[in-house]
Protein backbone atom coordinates (compact mmCIF):
# COMPACT_ATOMS: atom_id res chain seq x y z
CA UNK A 1 -22.97 4.12 14.83
CA UNK A 2 -23.35 3.76 11.08
CA UNK A 3 -25.48 6.11 9.02
CA UNK A 4 -26.54 4.51 5.77
CA UNK A 5 -25.73 6.97 2.98
CA UNK A 6 -24.07 6.41 -0.34
CA UNK A 7 -22.55 9.05 -2.57
CA UNK A 8 -25.72 9.35 -4.61
CA UNK A 9 -25.93 11.78 -7.51
CA UNK A 10 -28.25 14.06 -5.65
CA UNK A 11 -29.93 14.29 -2.29
CA UNK A 12 -33.29 13.00 -3.58
CA UNK A 13 -31.64 9.72 -4.53
CA UNK A 14 -29.83 9.61 -1.18
CA UNK A 15 -33.12 10.14 0.66
CA UNK A 16 -34.88 7.42 -1.34
CA UNK A 17 -32.08 4.98 -0.73
CA UNK A 18 -32.29 5.68 2.99
CA UNK A 19 -36.06 5.20 3.06
CA UNK A 20 -35.86 1.85 1.28
CA UNK A 21 -33.38 0.32 3.70
CA UNK A 22 -34.55 -2.63 5.69
CA UNK A 23 -36.08 -0.52 8.45
CA UNK A 24 -37.84 -3.42 10.13
CA UNK A 25 -34.61 -5.41 10.42
CA UNK A 26 -32.72 -2.41 11.82
CA UNK A 27 -35.49 -1.76 14.33
CA UNK A 28 -35.47 -5.36 15.58
CA UNK A 29 -31.69 -5.35 15.95
CA UNK A 30 -31.70 -2.06 17.76
CA UNK A 31 -34.48 -3.11 20.15
CA UNK A 32 -32.66 -6.34 20.92
CA UNK A 33 -29.52 -4.38 21.78
CA UNK A 34 -31.00 -1.51 23.76
CA UNK A 35 -34.39 -2.48 25.21
CA UNK A 36 -32.85 -4.57 27.99
CA UNK A 37 -30.81 -1.52 29.04
CA UNK A 38 -32.22 0.93 31.58
CA UNK A 39 -30.60 4.20 32.49
CA UNK A 40 -30.29 5.53 35.98
CA UNK A 41 -33.50 6.68 37.54
CA UNK A 42 -34.49 10.10 36.28
CA UNK A 43 -33.98 11.73 39.66
CA UNK A 44 -30.34 10.60 39.68
CA UNK A 45 -29.53 11.38 36.06
CA UNK A 46 -26.91 14.06 35.37
CA UNK A 47 -27.03 15.04 31.70
CA UNK A 48 -24.21 16.80 29.87
CA UNK A 49 -25.50 18.90 26.98
CA UNK A 50 -23.66 20.42 24.05
CA UNK A 51 -25.23 22.91 21.65
CA UNK A 52 -23.34 24.11 18.56
CA UNK A 53 -24.32 26.55 15.85
CA UNK A 54 -22.41 26.62 12.56
CA UNK A 55 -23.01 28.58 9.39
CA UNK A 56 -21.70 26.16 6.77
CA UNK A 57 -22.26 28.25 3.64
CA UNK A 58 -18.54 28.17 2.80
CA UNK A 59 -18.33 24.42 3.33
CA UNK A 60 -20.16 23.33 0.22
CA UNK A 61 -18.06 23.82 -2.89
CA UNK A 62 -17.60 21.50 -5.88
CA UNK A 63 -14.13 20.49 -4.65
CA UNK A 64 -15.40 19.78 -1.09
CA UNK A 65 -11.96 20.84 0.14
CA UNK A 66 -13.13 21.93 3.61
CA UNK A 67 -15.19 18.84 4.46
CA UNK A 68 -12.58 16.76 6.25
CA UNK A 69 -11.13 19.61 8.32
CA UNK A 70 -14.59 20.83 9.32
CA UNK A 71 -15.76 17.36 10.40
CA UNK A 72 -12.57 16.82 12.40
CA UNK A 73 -12.83 20.23 14.06
CA UNK A 74 -16.42 19.61 15.18
CA UNK A 75 -15.79 15.99 16.20
CA UNK A 76 -12.75 16.96 18.27
CA UNK A 77 -14.81 19.54 20.10
CA UNK A 78 -17.66 17.10 20.75
CA UNK A 79 -15.35 14.35 21.94
CA UNK A 80 -13.59 16.82 24.23
CA UNK A 81 -16.86 17.76 25.94
CA UNK A 82 -18.22 14.18 25.83
CA UNK A 83 -21.92 15.12 26.10
CA UNK A 84 -24.85 12.73 26.41
CA UNK A 85 -27.06 14.94 24.24
CA UNK A 86 -25.55 16.95 21.39
CA UNK A 87 -27.38 19.26 18.98
CA UNK A 88 -25.78 21.11 16.10
CA UNK A 89 -27.71 23.73 14.16
CA UNK A 90 -26.59 24.43 10.61
CA UNK A 91 -27.32 27.43 8.39
CA UNK A 92 -26.82 27.71 4.62
CA UNK A 93 -26.58 23.96 4.07
CA UNK A 94 -25.68 23.36 0.46
CA UNK A 95 -23.81 26.66 0.35
CA UNK A 96 -24.17 29.45 -2.17
CA UNK A 97 -24.08 26.96 -5.05
CA UNK A 98 -26.88 24.92 -3.52
CA UNK A 99 -28.28 23.62 -6.80
CA UNK A 100 -24.94 21.94 -7.39
CA UNK A 101 -23.72 21.19 -3.87
CA UNK A 102 -26.82 20.22 -1.84
CA UNK A 103 -26.08 16.60 -2.77
CA UNK A 104 -23.03 16.84 -0.48
CA UNK A 105 -25.14 17.40 2.63
CA UNK A 106 -26.14 13.74 3.30
CA UNK A 107 -22.53 12.74 2.70
CA UNK A 108 -21.14 15.14 5.29
CA UNK A 109 -23.80 14.04 7.80
CA UNK A 110 -22.57 10.50 7.27
CA UNK A 111 -18.96 11.57 7.80
CA UNK A 112 -19.81 13.44 11.00
CA UNK A 113 -21.81 10.52 12.38
CA UNK A 114 -18.95 8.14 11.68
CA UNK A 115 -16.58 10.52 13.49
CA UNK A 116 -18.83 10.35 16.59
CA UNK A 117 -19.09 6.59 17.32
CA UNK A 118 -20.06 7.12 20.99
CA UNK A 119 -23.54 8.23 19.94
CA UNK A 120 -26.11 5.52 19.28
CA UNK A 121 -29.04 7.62 18.05
CA UNK A 122 -29.21 10.31 15.38
CA UNK A 123 -32.04 12.55 14.33
CA UNK A 124 -31.14 14.79 11.38
CA UNK A 125 -33.50 17.25 9.74
CA UNK A 126 -31.95 19.23 6.91
CA UNK A 127 -33.85 21.46 4.51
CA UNK A 128 -32.09 21.05 1.15
CA UNK A 129 -35.17 20.88 -1.07
CA UNK A 130 -34.18 24.08 -2.88
CA UNK A 131 -37.09 23.92 -5.31
CA UNK A 132 -39.63 24.21 -2.48
CA UNK A 133 -41.18 27.62 -1.83
CA UNK A 134 -40.38 27.36 1.88
CA UNK A 135 -36.70 26.44 1.33
CA UNK A 136 -34.55 27.68 4.23
CA UNK A 137 -31.27 25.67 3.99
CA UNK A 138 -31.48 25.10 7.76
CA UNK A 139 -30.49 21.90 9.52
CA UNK A 140 -30.76 20.37 13.00
CA UNK A 141 -28.73 17.27 13.91
CA UNK A 142 -29.37 15.64 17.30
CA UNK A 143 -26.99 12.95 18.61
CA UNK A 144 -27.96 10.92 21.71
CA UNK A 145 -25.94 8.42 23.73
CA UNK A 146 -27.17 5.00 24.76
CA UNK A 147 -27.07 5.97 28.44
CA UNK A 148 -29.77 8.59 27.85
CA UNK A 149 -32.10 7.15 25.24
CA UNK A 150 -34.69 5.72 27.65
CA UNK A 151 -35.03 9.15 29.30
CA UNK A 152 -35.61 11.00 26.01
CA UNK A 153 -38.83 11.49 24.09
CA UNK A 154 -39.55 13.70 21.10
CA UNK A 155 -42.54 15.97 20.62
CA UNK A 156 -44.92 15.24 17.76
CA UNK A 157 -46.31 18.63 16.71
CA UNK A 158 -49.23 16.97 14.89
CA UNK A 159 -50.52 14.81 17.74
CA UNK A 160 -49.28 17.16 20.48
CA UNK A 161 -47.74 14.20 22.31
CA UNK A 162 -44.27 13.05 23.25
CA UNK A 163 -43.07 9.82 21.69
CA UNK A 164 -40.28 7.43 22.56
CA UNK A 165 -37.49 7.03 20.03
CA UNK A 166 -37.97 3.73 18.19
CA UNK A 167 -35.22 3.69 15.55
CA UNK A 168 -31.52 4.43 15.87
CA UNK A 169 -31.17 6.69 12.83
CA UNK A 170 -33.53 9.04 11.07
CA UNK A 171 -32.37 11.50 8.41
CA UNK A 172 -34.95 13.67 6.63
CA UNK A 173 -34.00 16.02 3.80
CA UNK A 174 -37.32 16.83 2.14
CA UNK A 175 -40.96 17.38 3.07
CA UNK A 176 -40.05 19.04 6.36
CA UNK A 177 -42.94 21.50 6.03
CA UNK A 178 -45.33 18.67 6.96
CA UNK A 179 -43.03 16.52 9.05
CA UNK A 180 -44.53 15.91 12.52
CA UNK A 181 -41.36 16.37 14.59
CA UNK A 182 -40.20 19.66 13.10
CA UNK A 183 -41.61 23.14 12.66
CA UNK A 184 -39.92 25.08 9.86
CA UNK A 185 -40.83 28.44 8.37
CA UNK A 186 -39.25 30.94 6.05
CA UNK A 187 -39.77 34.54 7.15
CA UNK A 188 -42.65 36.28 5.34
CA UNK A 189 -41.67 38.12 2.19
CA UNK A 190 -43.02 41.42 3.48
CA UNK A 191 -40.40 41.44 6.23
CA UNK A 192 -37.89 42.70 3.67
CA UNK A 193 -39.82 43.57 0.50
CA UNK A 194 -37.08 45.63 -1.14
CA UNK A 195 -34.72 42.69 -1.70
CA UNK A 196 -35.03 39.23 -3.24
CA UNK A 197 -36.90 36.79 -1.01
CA UNK A 198 -34.07 34.73 0.48
CA UNK A 199 -33.64 31.63 2.62
CA UNK A 200 -33.83 33.19 6.07
CA UNK A 201 -36.14 31.51 8.57
CA UNK A 202 -36.26 29.20 11.59
CA UNK A 203 -36.55 25.51 12.51
CA UNK A 204 -37.78 24.11 15.81
CA UNK A 205 -37.57 20.73 17.54
CA UNK A 206 -38.89 19.93 21.02
CA UNK A 207 -37.61 17.27 23.40
CA UNK A 208 -38.36 15.92 26.85
CA UNK A 209 -35.13 14.85 28.52
CA UNK A 210 -35.19 13.49 32.08
CA UNK A 211 -38.65 15.06 32.51
CA UNK A 212 -37.49 18.52 31.41
CA UNK A 213 -38.84 20.10 28.21
CA UNK A 214 -36.42 21.74 25.77
CA UNK A 215 -37.17 23.81 22.69
CA UNK A 216 -34.22 24.05 20.31
CA UNK A 217 -34.71 26.72 17.64
CA UNK A 218 -32.35 27.25 14.73
CA UNK A 219 -32.70 30.83 13.48
CA UNK A 220 -31.02 32.54 10.54
CA UNK A 221 -31.77 36.26 10.61
CA UNK A 222 -31.24 38.92 7.95
CA UNK A 223 -27.71 40.09 7.17
CA UNK A 224 -26.49 43.60 6.39
CA UNK A 225 -26.94 43.96 2.64
CA UNK A 226 -24.57 46.93 2.46
CA UNK A 227 -21.81 48.25 4.72
CA UNK A 228 -22.75 51.77 3.65
CA UNK A 229 -26.45 51.72 4.46
CA UNK A 230 -26.11 51.78 8.28
CA UNK A 231 -23.96 54.91 7.90
CA UNK A 232 -26.91 56.62 6.25
CA UNK A 233 -29.84 58.34 7.96
CA UNK A 234 -31.03 55.07 9.54
CA UNK A 235 -28.17 53.31 11.33
CA UNK A 236 -30.63 50.66 12.59
CA UNK A 237 -31.94 49.79 9.12
CA UNK A 238 -30.89 46.14 9.35
CA UNK A 239 -30.96 45.60 13.10
CA UNK A 240 -34.61 46.67 13.25
CA UNK A 241 -35.43 44.06 10.64
CA UNK A 242 -33.58 41.35 12.58
CA UNK A 243 -35.50 42.34 15.69
CA UNK A 244 -38.77 42.09 13.80
CA UNK A 245 -37.86 38.60 12.60
CA UNK A 246 -36.75 37.25 15.98
CA UNK A 247 -39.74 38.85 17.72
CA UNK A 248 -41.89 36.99 15.18
CA UNK A 249 -40.21 33.69 16.12
CA UNK A 250 -40.63 34.30 19.84
CA UNK A 251 -44.28 35.25 19.33
CA UNK A 252 -44.93 32.07 17.33
CA UNK A 253 -43.30 29.96 20.03
CA UNK A 254 -45.24 31.69 22.79
CA UNK A 255 -48.54 31.09 21.00
CA UNK A 256 -47.99 27.31 21.01
CA UNK A 257 -46.84 26.91 24.60
CA UNK A 258 -50.37 26.31 25.97
CA UNK A 259 -49.33 27.07 29.52
CA UNK A 260 -46.12 25.08 29.21
CA UNK A 261 -42.89 27.06 29.46
CA UNK A 262 -40.10 24.94 28.00
CA UNK A 263 -36.47 25.76 28.35
CA UNK A 264 -35.96 27.67 25.13
CA UNK A 265 -32.62 27.84 23.31
CA UNK A 266 -32.38 29.94 20.15
CA UNK A 267 -29.03 29.30 18.53
CA UNK A 268 -28.01 30.06 15.00
CA UNK A 269 -26.62 32.77 12.75
CA UNK A 270 -28.47 35.71 14.25
CA UNK A 271 -26.35 38.11 12.18
CA UNK A 272 -26.00 40.57 15.05
CA UNK A 273 -23.67 43.42 14.09
CA UNK A 274 -21.79 46.10 15.99
CA UNK A 275 -23.33 49.49 16.65
CA UNK A 276 -22.00 51.36 13.62
CA UNK A 277 -21.86 54.78 15.25
CA UNK A 278 -19.90 53.84 18.36
CA UNK A 279 -17.65 51.34 16.55
CA UNK A 280 -16.68 53.72 13.75
CA UNK A 281 -16.05 56.57 16.15
CA UNK A 282 -13.78 54.23 18.10
CA UNK A 283 -11.81 53.18 15.02
CA UNK A 284 -11.59 56.53 13.28
CA UNK A 285 -10.68 58.89 16.09
CA UNK A 286 -8.55 61.81 14.81
CA UNK A 287 -9.60 61.23 11.20
CA UNK A 288 -11.88 63.01 8.75
CA UNK A 289 -14.35 61.18 6.49
CA UNK A 290 -14.21 61.74 2.74
CA UNK A 291 -16.74 60.54 0.21
CA UNK A 292 -15.64 58.79 -2.95
CA UNK A 293 -18.16 59.74 -5.58
CA UNK A 294 -20.06 57.34 -7.79
CA UNK A 295 -20.71 58.49 -11.34
CA UNK A 296 -24.08 56.82 -11.79
CA UNK A 297 -27.18 57.15 -9.70
CA UNK A 298 -27.34 54.79 -6.75
CA UNK A 299 -29.50 53.59 -3.90
CA UNK A 300 -29.04 52.32 -0.37
CA UNK A 301 -27.94 49.02 -1.83
CA UNK A 302 -25.37 50.62 -4.15
CA UNK A 303 -24.16 53.73 -2.42
CA UNK A 304 -25.06 56.71 -0.26
CA UNK A 305 -26.03 60.33 -0.71
CA UNK A 306 -23.50 62.96 0.38
CA UNK A 307 -23.87 66.73 0.66
CA UNK A 308 -20.16 67.44 0.42
CA UNK A 309 -16.89 65.59 0.30
CA UNK A 310 -16.03 66.07 3.98
CA UNK A 311 -18.40 64.07 6.13
CA UNK A 312 -18.90 64.75 9.83
CA UNK A 313 -19.01 61.78 12.18
CA UNK A 314 -18.96 63.32 15.64
CA UNK A 315 -22.73 62.95 16.08
CA UNK A 316 -23.24 60.34 13.40
CA UNK A 317 -20.72 58.90 10.91
CA UNK A 318 -22.57 60.32 7.90
CA UNK A 319 -25.00 62.87 9.22
CA UNK A 320 -24.73 65.14 6.18
CA UNK A 321 -24.54 62.62 3.33
CA UNK A 322 -26.49 63.80 0.31
CA UNK A 323 -24.55 62.97 -2.84
CA UNK A 324 -24.25 59.46 -4.26
CA UNK A 325 -20.96 57.87 -3.19
CA UNK A 326 -19.50 54.43 -3.68
CA UNK A 327 -17.14 54.54 -0.70
CA UNK A 328 -16.20 56.48 2.41
CA UNK A 329 -12.59 56.92 3.45
CA UNK A 330 -11.56 58.00 6.93
CA UNK A 331 -8.22 59.78 6.58
CA UNK A 332 -5.71 61.24 8.97
CA UNK A 333 -4.94 64.93 8.60
CA UNK A 334 -1.96 65.31 6.31
CA UNK A 335 -0.21 68.07 4.45
CA UNK A 336 0.30 65.81 1.45
CA UNK A 337 -2.23 64.68 -1.14
CA UNK A 338 -1.37 61.03 -0.55
CA UNK A 339 -4.86 59.82 0.36
CA UNK A 340 -3.82 56.18 0.17
CA UNK A 341 -1.23 56.41 2.94
CA UNK A 342 -3.39 58.64 5.13
CA UNK A 343 -6.46 56.39 4.86
CA UNK A 344 -7.27 54.56 8.11
CA UNK A 345 -10.49 52.91 6.98
CA UNK A 346 -12.24 52.52 3.63
CA UNK A 347 -15.84 51.32 3.54
CA UNK A 348 -17.67 50.18 0.42
CA UNK A 349 -20.87 48.23 -0.04
CA UNK A 350 -19.07 44.93 0.56
CA UNK A 351 -15.66 46.09 1.72
CA UNK A 352 -14.35 47.02 5.16
CA UNK A 353 -10.64 47.73 4.79
CA UNK A 354 -8.93 48.83 8.00
CA UNK A 355 -5.28 49.88 7.78
CA UNK A 356 -4.20 47.26 10.36
CA UNK A 357 -6.53 44.28 10.09
CA UNK A 358 -4.43 42.13 12.42
CA UNK A 359 -4.74 44.75 15.14
CA UNK A 360 -8.49 44.87 14.52
CA UNK A 361 -8.67 41.16 15.36
CA UNK A 362 -6.16 41.19 18.21
CA UNK A 363 -7.93 44.10 19.94
CA UNK A 364 -11.42 42.59 19.80
CA UNK A 365 -11.99 43.15 23.52
CA UNK A 366 -11.76 46.91 22.94
CA UNK A 367 -15.01 46.92 20.95
CA UNK A 368 -17.03 44.28 22.82
CA UNK A 369 -19.18 47.12 24.19
CA UNK A 370 -20.27 47.96 20.63
CA UNK A 371 -22.05 44.60 20.42
CA UNK A 372 -25.46 45.77 21.65
CA UNK A 373 -28.04 44.12 19.45
CA UNK A 374 -28.89 41.25 21.81
CA UNK A 375 -29.96 43.81 24.41
CA UNK A 376 -33.07 44.49 22.32
CA UNK A 377 -34.57 41.15 23.39
CA UNK A 378 -35.50 41.62 27.03
CA UNK A 379 -36.90 38.11 27.45
CA UNK A 380 -33.73 36.42 26.21
CA UNK A 381 -30.44 35.90 28.01
CA UNK A 382 -26.90 34.93 27.05
CA UNK A 383 -23.74 33.81 28.81
CA UNK A 384 -20.90 36.33 28.81
CA UNK A 385 -18.99 36.43 25.53
CA UNK A 386 -15.25 36.02 25.97
CA UNK A 387 -14.21 34.98 22.49
CA UNK A 388 -13.24 36.84 19.29
CA UNK A 389 -15.78 37.83 16.62
CA UNK A 390 -17.21 34.85 14.75
CA UNK A 391 -17.38 36.63 11.36
CA UNK A 392 -15.99 37.30 8.71
CA UNK A 393 -13.08 34.84 8.78
CA UNK A 394 -10.96 33.93 5.78
CA UNK A 395 -12.30 31.15 3.57
CA UNK A 396 -8.78 30.32 2.39
CA UNK A 397 -7.39 27.21 4.15
CA UNK A 398 -3.87 28.62 3.70
CA UNK A 399 -4.78 31.86 5.49
CA UNK A 400 -7.54 30.82 7.85
CA UNK A 401 -6.50 32.75 10.97
CA UNK A 402 -7.30 36.20 9.59
CA UNK A 403 -10.44 38.26 9.05
CA UNK A 404 -11.62 39.03 5.54
CA UNK A 405 -11.85 42.66 4.49
CA UNK A 406 -15.48 42.34 3.47
CA UNK A 407 -17.41 43.30 6.60
CA UNK A 408 -16.82 44.79 10.01
CA UNK A 409 -16.08 42.07 12.58
CA UNK A 410 -19.16 40.84 14.41
CA UNK A 411 -20.47 38.22 16.80
CA UNK A 412 -23.09 36.83 14.41
CA UNK A 413 -23.34 33.31 15.81
CA UNK A 414 -25.04 33.15 19.20
CA UNK A 415 -26.86 31.03 21.77
CA UNK A 416 -29.75 32.85 23.46
CA UNK A 417 -31.99 31.43 26.19
CA UNK A 418 -35.21 32.29 27.92
CA UNK A 419 -35.22 32.84 31.67
CA UNK A 420 -36.12 29.22 32.48
CA UNK A 421 -33.20 27.87 30.45
CA UNK A 422 -30.74 30.51 31.65
CA UNK A 423 -31.45 29.76 35.32
CA UNK A 424 -30.49 26.11 34.76
CA UNK A 425 -27.51 26.75 32.51
CA UNK A 426 -25.79 29.31 34.71
CA UNK A 427 -25.65 26.76 37.55
CA UNK A 428 -24.59 23.90 35.26
CA UNK A 429 -20.88 24.67 34.84
CA UNK A 430 -21.47 26.37 31.46
CA UNK A 431 -18.81 26.84 28.81
CA UNK A 432 -19.63 29.33 26.05
CA UNK A 433 -17.05 29.81 23.32
CA UNK A 434 -16.18 29.73 19.66
CA UNK A 435 -13.75 27.19 18.25
CA UNK A 436 -11.86 26.20 15.13
CA UNK A 437 -9.49 29.16 15.33
CA UNK A 438 -6.57 27.20 13.91
CA UNK A 439 -8.38 25.72 10.93
CA UNK A 440 -10.63 26.95 8.14
CA UNK A 441 -14.30 26.53 8.97
CA UNK A 442 -15.49 29.03 6.38
CA UNK A 443 -16.36 32.67 6.98
CA UNK A 444 -18.06 31.83 10.30
CA UNK A 445 -16.50 30.21 13.36
CA UNK A 446 -18.79 27.70 15.12
CA UNK A 447 -20.03 28.62 18.59
CA UNK A 448 -20.80 26.13 21.37
CA UNK A 449 -22.55 26.12 24.72
CA UNK A 450 -21.89 23.17 27.04
CA UNK A 451 -23.63 22.66 30.38
CA UNK A 452 -25.05 19.97 32.61
CA UNK A 453 -28.39 19.59 34.37
């Protein structure tokens, strides 16, 4: 399959070039090739599905140095599973330098499509219109094989009807707010009024495949702004906000079901983090916490308040914090004044420096029980996690198999399902894992769920 993109100066030009291609000619050629074909009857059709979520914020840099390795890593995984229907959800398309690097997004879609020649249809919806108020930087790419196309229809949210696919390739990078096949929203500003209104939000597509209805929702929830804040009086400061956001998404989806209960898959960067109290107590056993004072006044975003230099963590890691501090060090008892050598863990706003970071990664199974945030969503289910944390991995291609010392390890990237979806998936030989461990995919490792129905 060929996706028609050129290396245009920016994504607007790329989109215009795509829209001015000879669509009528392509449609006639495609119909001539595929209309005579008929798939197996629906009752006999076994469909292999592959869902992937990937935060690609580290991928988009001026030098584009990670593009080729990322495309190969994803393509190898897809070709290994060999699905009939493949969806990949992207977060932070365009990266942190999105005004400069969003023009790379159509190019990398082209590269990925060319690396997946077994797929004959592509639907790509990528929000890179960074000047729009509702900009989310989310993307959903759906690849469909020839053997399945006649059994697939796509929901038009304007007409409330399912429609057959009539063109082989459709890539949309602007105007998604009013596009009939996508629902996209940025979370309301009042969800997190104390910080700058960011790009977090969700994107939904709906499909009917072999007479079964699927909702695929790409969600990017709020991150932890500071490592220190959850150690303050409210350890659930950020997790409560993520719950509010995902509850909002689930409520919006429920309101539009109209008696229909699709198989719902929410997969994206949900930013779930470990329970700070239990995780820190696990890591810092037989240590004492010490505050490192900050000279200027601070806030939750800049530091914490401590009452004295020796913090107690038995009941809560910072129960008695009252004075402004810029860091907390957990130190072993020692007769010497060598705080550096006795320090087991140092936490700053954007630093999480454990004395043995390799051990922290190797022993990930020891703190799986501290990953509790998904339990807050009683209507959603997940396959068992048996893979290392998906964040924060090194962004250095020469040192890609280590965790960065910026955040505590976490399983941020997830695939959640409602009960209807889970009941099918668990009986469909599911495989739930992360991948790309031996190459640099940025600070997040992609996560995949494969199954058949």
